[in-house]
Amino acid sequence: MAARIKKNDSVMIIAGKERGKIGKVIRVQPQQERAVVERLNMVKRHVKPRGPQDSGGILEKEASIHLSNLMLVDPQDGRPTRVGFRVVDGRKLRVSRRTGNVLD
């Protein structure tokens, strides 16, 4: 399946406790169909101390979100849009379904 969401894309969360918030994609995990969005879907993890420099404690970090719960935000329009594909000069490009603008 072609990548509809890529690293550094601006996305809106459309389901879950963070619904309606917009953030930047840090990492995409295509095999698990999940992505990590900057400063959204924060979880707390208890970390054991590992040596004299690492104190351990409760660490807060981003958890991954399923790709079906994310919608790409059109950079020119600023509104969420579905993603389509168009072949131009032998290259497959992502296209906004709302406006028809090329996203790549």
N, C-alpha and C. Protein backbone atom coordinates (compact mmCIF):
# COMPACT_ATOMS: atom_id res chain seq x y z
N MET A 1 0.84 -1.19 0.00
CA MET A 1 0.00 0.00 0.00
C MET A 1 0.89 1.25 0.00
N ALA A 2 0.53 2.22 -0.78
CA ALA A 2 1.33 3.45 -0.88
C ALA A 2 1.17 4.29 0.38
N ALA A 3 2.22 5.04 0.71
CA ALA A 3 2.21 5.85 1.93
C ALA A 3 1.39 7.11 1.73
N ARG A 4 0.29 7.22 2.45
CA ARG A 4 -0.53 8.41 2.39
C ARG A 4 -0.02 9.46 3.37
N ILE A 5 0.61 9.02 4.46
CA ILE A 5 1.17 9.93 5.46
C ILE A 5 2.65 9.63 5.58
N LYS A 6 3.46 10.69 5.57
CA LYS A 6 4.91 10.54 5.65
C LYS A 6 5.46 11.39 6.79
N LYS A 7 6.72 11.18 7.09
CA LYS A 7 7.41 11.95 8.13
C LYS A 7 7.37 13.44 7.79
N ASN A 8 7.20 14.29 8.81
CA ASN A 8 7.14 15.75 8.71
C ASN A 8 5.83 16.27 8.12
N ASP A 9 4.87 15.40 7.83
CA ASP A 9 3.54 15.86 7.40
C ASP A 9 2.79 16.46 8.58
N SER A 10 1.94 17.40 8.31
CA SER A 10 1.05 17.95 9.32
C SER A 10 -0.25 17.16 9.25
N VAL A 11 -0.67 16.58 10.40
CA VAL A 11 -1.86 15.74 10.42
C VAL A 11 -2.82 16.19 11.52
N MET A 12 -4.09 15.85 11.32
CA MET A 12 -5.11 16.08 12.34
C MET A 12 -5.58 14.72 12.84
N ILE A 13 -5.74 14.62 14.16
CA ILE A 13 -6.25 13.39 14.75
C ILE A 13 -7.77 13.45 14.68
N ILE A 14 -8.38 12.41 14.11
CA ILE A 14 -9.83 12.44 13.88
C ILE A 14 -10.60 11.52 14.82
N ALA A 15 -9.90 10.78 15.69
CA ALA A 15 -10.59 9.89 16.63
C ALA A 15 -9.74 9.72 17.88
N GLY A 16 -10.40 9.48 18.99
CA GLY A 16 -9.70 9.24 20.24
C GLY A 16 -9.68 10.46 21.14
N LYS A 17 -8.90 10.37 22.21
CA LYS A 17 -8.90 11.43 23.22
C LYS A 17 -8.27 12.73 22.72
N GLU A 18 -7.48 12.67 21.67
CA GLU A 18 -6.80 13.86 21.13
C GLU A 18 -7.51 14.38 19.88
N ARG A 19 -8.76 14.01 19.66
CA ARG A 19 -9.49 14.37 18.44
C ARG A 19 -9.51 15.87 18.20
N GLY A 20 -9.22 16.27 16.94
CA GLY A 20 -9.27 17.67 16.56
C GLY A 20 -7.94 18.39 16.66
N LYS A 21 -6.94 17.77 17.28
CA LYS A 21 -5.63 18.43 17.43
C LYS A 21 -4.76 18.17 16.22
N ILE A 22 -3.89 19.13 15.92
CA ILE A 22 -3.01 19.06 14.76
C ILE A 22 -1.57 18.98 15.24
N GLY A 23 -0.78 18.13 14.60
CA GLY A 23 0.63 17.99 14.95
C GLY A 23 1.45 17.49 13.78
N LYS A 24 2.76 17.43 13.99
CA LYS A 24 3.69 17.00 12.95
C LYS A 24 4.10 15.55 13.19
N VAL A 25 4.17 14.76 12.12
CA VAL A 25 4.52 13.35 12.22
C VAL A 25 6.04 13.24 12.45
N ILE A 26 6.40 12.53 13.52
CA ILE A 26 7.81 12.30 13.84
C ILE A 26 8.32 11.04 13.16
N ARG A 27 7.49 9.98 13.22
CA ARG A 27 7.93 8.67 12.73
C ARG A 27 6.71 7.91 12.23
N VAL A 28 6.89 7.15 11.14
CA VAL A 28 5.83 6.30 10.59
C VAL A 28 6.32 4.86 10.65
N GLN A 29 5.44 3.96 11.13
CA GLN A 29 5.75 2.53 11.19
C GLN A 29 4.81 1.83 10.22
N PRO A 30 5.21 1.67 8.94
CA PRO A 30 4.30 1.14 7.93
C PRO A 30 3.85 -0.30 8.18
N GLN A 31 4.71 -1.15 8.76
CA GLN A 31 4.32 -2.54 9.00
C GLN A 31 3.19 -2.62 10.03
N GLN A 32 3.22 -1.77 11.05
CA GLN A 32 2.19 -1.77 12.08
C GLN A 32 1.03 -0.82 11.74
N GLU A 33 1.16 -0.08 10.65
CA GLU A 33 0.18 0.93 10.21
C GLU A 33 -0.06 1.95 11.31
N ARG A 34 1.04 2.48 11.87
CA ARG A 34 0.96 3.44 12.97
C ARG A 34 1.93 4.59 12.72
N ALA A 35 1.68 5.71 13.39
CA ALA A 35 2.56 6.88 13.30
C ALA A 35 2.65 7.54 14.67
N VAL A 36 3.76 8.24 14.89
CA VAL A 36 3.97 8.99 16.13
C VAL A 36 3.88 10.47 15.77
N VAL A 37 3.01 11.20 16.49
CA VAL A 37 2.78 12.62 16.24
C VAL A 37 3.38 13.42 17.39
N GLU A 38 4.11 14.48 17.04
CA GLU A 38 4.83 15.30 18.02
C GLU A 38 3.89 15.90 19.07
N ARG A 39 4.19 15.65 20.36
CA ARG A 39 3.50 16.20 21.54
C ARG A 39 2.02 15.83 21.62
N LEU A 40 1.59 14.76 20.94
CA LEU A 40 0.21 14.29 21.03
C LEU A 40 0.20 12.82 21.43
N ASN A 41 -0.88 12.38 22.06
CA ASN A 41 -1.04 11.02 22.56
C ASN A 41 0.08 10.66 23.54
N MET A 42 0.31 11.56 24.52
CA MET A 42 1.37 11.37 25.50
C MET A 42 1.00 10.28 26.50
N VAL A 43 1.97 9.43 26.84
CA VAL A 43 1.80 8.39 27.85
C VAL A 43 2.96 8.47 28.83
N LYS A 44 2.77 7.91 30.02
CA LYS A 44 3.82 7.89 31.04
C LYS A 44 4.38 6.48 31.13
N ARG A 45 5.70 6.39 31.17
CA ARG A 45 6.39 5.11 31.28
C ARG A 45 7.30 5.16 32.50
N HIS A 46 7.29 4.10 33.28
CA HIS A 46 8.16 4.00 34.45
C HIS A 46 9.47 3.37 34.01
N VAL A 47 10.58 4.12 34.19
CA VAL A 47 11.88 3.69 33.69
C VAL A 47 12.79 3.37 34.87
N LYS A 48 13.43 2.23 34.80
CA LYS A 48 14.34 1.79 35.84
C LYS A 48 15.68 2.51 35.69
N PRO A 49 16.34 2.88 36.78
CA PRO A 49 17.67 3.51 36.66
C PRO A 49 18.67 2.55 36.01
N ARG A 50 19.44 3.04 35.08
CA ARG A 50 20.45 2.23 34.37
C ARG A 50 21.82 2.88 34.52
N GLY A 51 22.44 2.74 35.66
CA GLY A 51 23.77 3.31 35.87
C GLY A 51 23.72 4.59 36.66
N PRO A 52 24.89 5.15 36.98
CA PRO A 52 24.94 6.34 37.84
C PRO A 52 24.42 7.62 37.18
N GLN A 53 24.54 7.76 35.86
CA GLN A 53 24.09 8.98 35.19
C GLN A 53 22.58 8.96 34.94
N ASP A 54 22.02 7.79 34.68
CA ASP A 54 20.59 7.68 34.36
C ASP A 54 19.81 7.47 35.65
N SER A 55 18.98 8.46 36.00
CA SER A 55 18.28 8.40 37.29
C SER A 55 16.99 7.59 37.22
N GLY A 56 16.44 7.36 36.05
CA GLY A 56 15.17 6.66 35.95
C GLY A 56 14.02 7.56 36.35
N GLY A 57 12.88 6.98 36.69
CA GLY A 57 11.72 7.75 37.10
C GLY A 57 10.57 7.57 36.13
N ILE A 58 9.66 8.53 36.14
CA ILE A 58 8.49 8.47 35.26
C ILE A 58 8.77 9.36 34.05
N LEU A 59 8.83 8.74 32.88
CA LEU A 59 9.14 9.43 31.63
C LEU A 59 7.86 9.61 30.83
N GLU A 60 7.66 10.80 30.28
CA GLU A 60 6.49 11.06 29.45
C GLU A 60 6.93 11.13 27.99
N LYS A 61 6.27 10.33 27.13
CA LYS A 61 6.65 10.31 25.71
C LYS A 61 5.41 10.08 24.85
N GLU A 62 5.59 10.26 23.53
CA GLU A 62 4.49 10.09 22.59
C GLU A 62 4.27 8.61 22.30
N ALA A 63 3.02 8.22 22.23
CA ALA A 63 2.66 6.87 21.82
C ALA A 63 2.19 6.91 20.36
N SER A 64 2.27 5.78 19.70
CA SER A 64 1.87 5.74 18.30
C SER A 64 0.35 5.73 18.17
N ILE A 65 -0.11 6.18 17.00
CA ILE A 65 -1.54 6.27 16.69
C ILE A 65 -1.76 5.52 15.37
N HIS A 66 -2.86 4.80 15.28
CA HIS A 66 -3.16 4.08 14.05
C HIS A 66 -3.41 5.08 12.91
N LEU A 67 -2.93 4.75 11.72
CA LEU A 67 -3.04 5.65 10.57
C LEU A 67 -4.48 5.97 10.19
N SER A 68 -5.41 5.08 10.52
CA SER A 68 -6.81 5.34 10.19
C SER A 68 -7.38 6.47 11.05
N ASN A 69 -6.72 6.81 12.14
CA ASN A 69 -7.18 7.89 13.02
C ASN A 69 -6.50 9.23 12.71
N LEU A 70 -5.74 9.28 11.62
CA LEU A 70 -5.05 10.50 11.22
C LEU A 70 -5.55 10.95 9.86
N MET A 71 -5.60 12.28 9.68
CA MET A 71 -5.98 12.84 8.39
C MET A 71 -4.98 13.92 8.04
N LEU A 72 -4.45 13.87 6.83
CA LEU A 72 -3.45 14.83 6.39
C LEU A 72 -4.05 16.22 6.28
N VAL A 73 -3.31 17.23 6.72
CA VAL A 73 -3.74 18.63 6.59
C VAL A 73 -3.08 19.21 5.35
N ASP A 74 -3.89 19.73 4.45
CA ASP A 74 -3.38 20.33 3.21
C ASP A 74 -2.55 21.56 3.57
N PRO A 75 -1.26 21.60 3.18
CA PRO A 75 -0.41 22.73 3.56
C PRO A 75 -0.84 24.07 2.96
N GLN A 76 -1.47 24.07 1.78
CA GLN A 76 -1.90 25.32 1.16
C GLN A 76 -3.25 25.78 1.68
N ASP A 77 -4.10 24.82 2.07
CA ASP A 77 -5.46 25.12 2.48
C ASP A 77 -5.60 25.22 3.99
N GLY A 78 -4.83 24.40 4.72
CA GLY A 78 -4.90 24.39 6.17
C GLY A 78 -6.04 23.56 6.73
N ARG A 79 -6.77 22.86 5.87
CA ARG A 79 -7.88 22.01 6.31
C ARG A 79 -7.53 20.55 6.07
N PRO A 80 -8.12 19.63 6.85
CA PRO A 80 -7.84 18.20 6.63
C PRO A 80 -8.40 17.73 5.31
N THR A 81 -7.69 16.78 4.70
CA THR A 81 -8.10 16.29 3.39
C THR A 81 -7.77 14.81 3.25
N ARG A 82 -8.52 14.13 2.41
CA ARG A 82 -8.17 12.77 2.04
C ARG A 82 -7.04 12.85 1.01
N VAL A 83 -6.32 11.74 0.83
CA VAL A 83 -5.17 11.73 -0.06
C VAL A 83 -5.43 10.78 -1.22
N GLY A 84 -5.16 11.27 -2.43
CA GLY A 84 -5.24 10.44 -3.62
C GLY A 84 -3.88 10.41 -4.28
N PHE A 85 -3.78 9.71 -5.40
CA PHE A 85 -2.50 9.60 -6.11
C PHE A 85 -2.71 9.91 -7.58
N ARG A 86 -1.69 10.51 -8.19
CA ARG A 86 -1.72 10.85 -9.60
C ARG A 86 -0.32 10.59 -10.15
N VAL A 87 -0.22 10.01 -11.33
CA VAL A 87 1.07 9.77 -11.97
C VAL A 87 1.36 10.91 -12.93
N VAL A 88 2.47 11.63 -12.68
CA VAL A 88 2.89 12.75 -13.52
C VAL A 88 4.33 12.51 -13.94
N ASP A 89 4.58 12.45 -15.23
CA ASP A 89 5.93 12.23 -15.78
C ASP A 89 6.58 10.97 -15.19
N GLY A 90 5.81 9.91 -15.01
CA GLY A 90 6.35 8.66 -14.50
C GLY A 90 6.54 8.62 -12.99
N ARG A 91 6.18 9.70 -12.29
CA ARG A 91 6.31 9.75 -10.83
C ARG A 91 4.92 9.70 -10.20
N LYS A 92 4.78 8.93 -9.14
CA LYS A 92 3.51 8.83 -8.43
C LYS A 92 3.51 9.89 -7.33
N LEU A 93 2.56 10.83 -7.41
CA LEU A 93 2.50 11.95 -6.47
C LEU A 93 1.25 11.88 -5.62
N ARG A 94 1.36 12.34 -4.40
CA ARG A 94 0.19 12.45 -3.52
C ARG A 94 -0.58 13.72 -3.88
N VAL A 95 -1.91 13.60 -3.88
CA VAL A 95 -2.76 14.71 -4.30
C VAL A 95 -3.87 14.89 -3.26
N SER A 96 -4.17 16.15 -2.94
CA SER A 96 -5.27 16.46 -2.03
C SER A 96 -6.58 16.22 -2.73
N ARG A 97 -7.48 15.45 -2.11
CA ARG A 97 -8.79 15.19 -2.70
C ARG A 97 -9.69 16.40 -2.57
N ARG A 98 -9.44 17.24 -1.56
CA ARG A 98 -10.29 18.42 -1.34
C ARG A 98 -10.03 19.50 -2.40
N THR A 99 -8.74 19.78 -2.66
CA THR A 99 -8.41 20.89 -3.56
C THR A 99 -7.77 20.47 -4.86
N GLY A 100 -7.22 19.26 -4.93
CA GLY A 100 -6.53 18.80 -6.13
C GLY A 100 -5.07 19.22 -6.16
N ASN A 101 -4.58 19.88 -5.09
CA ASN A 101 -3.18 20.30 -5.05
C ASN A 101 -2.25 19.11 -4.87
N VAL A 102 -1.08 19.18 -5.49
CA VAL A 102 -0.06 18.16 -5.31
C VAL A 102 0.60 18.37 -3.97
N LEU A 103 0.70 17.32 -3.15
CA LEU A 103 1.23 17.44 -1.79
C LEU A 103 2.73 17.20 -1.71
N ASP A 104 3.33 16.52 -2.68
CA ASP A 104 4.77 16.23 -2.61
C ASP A 104 5.60 17.33 -3.22
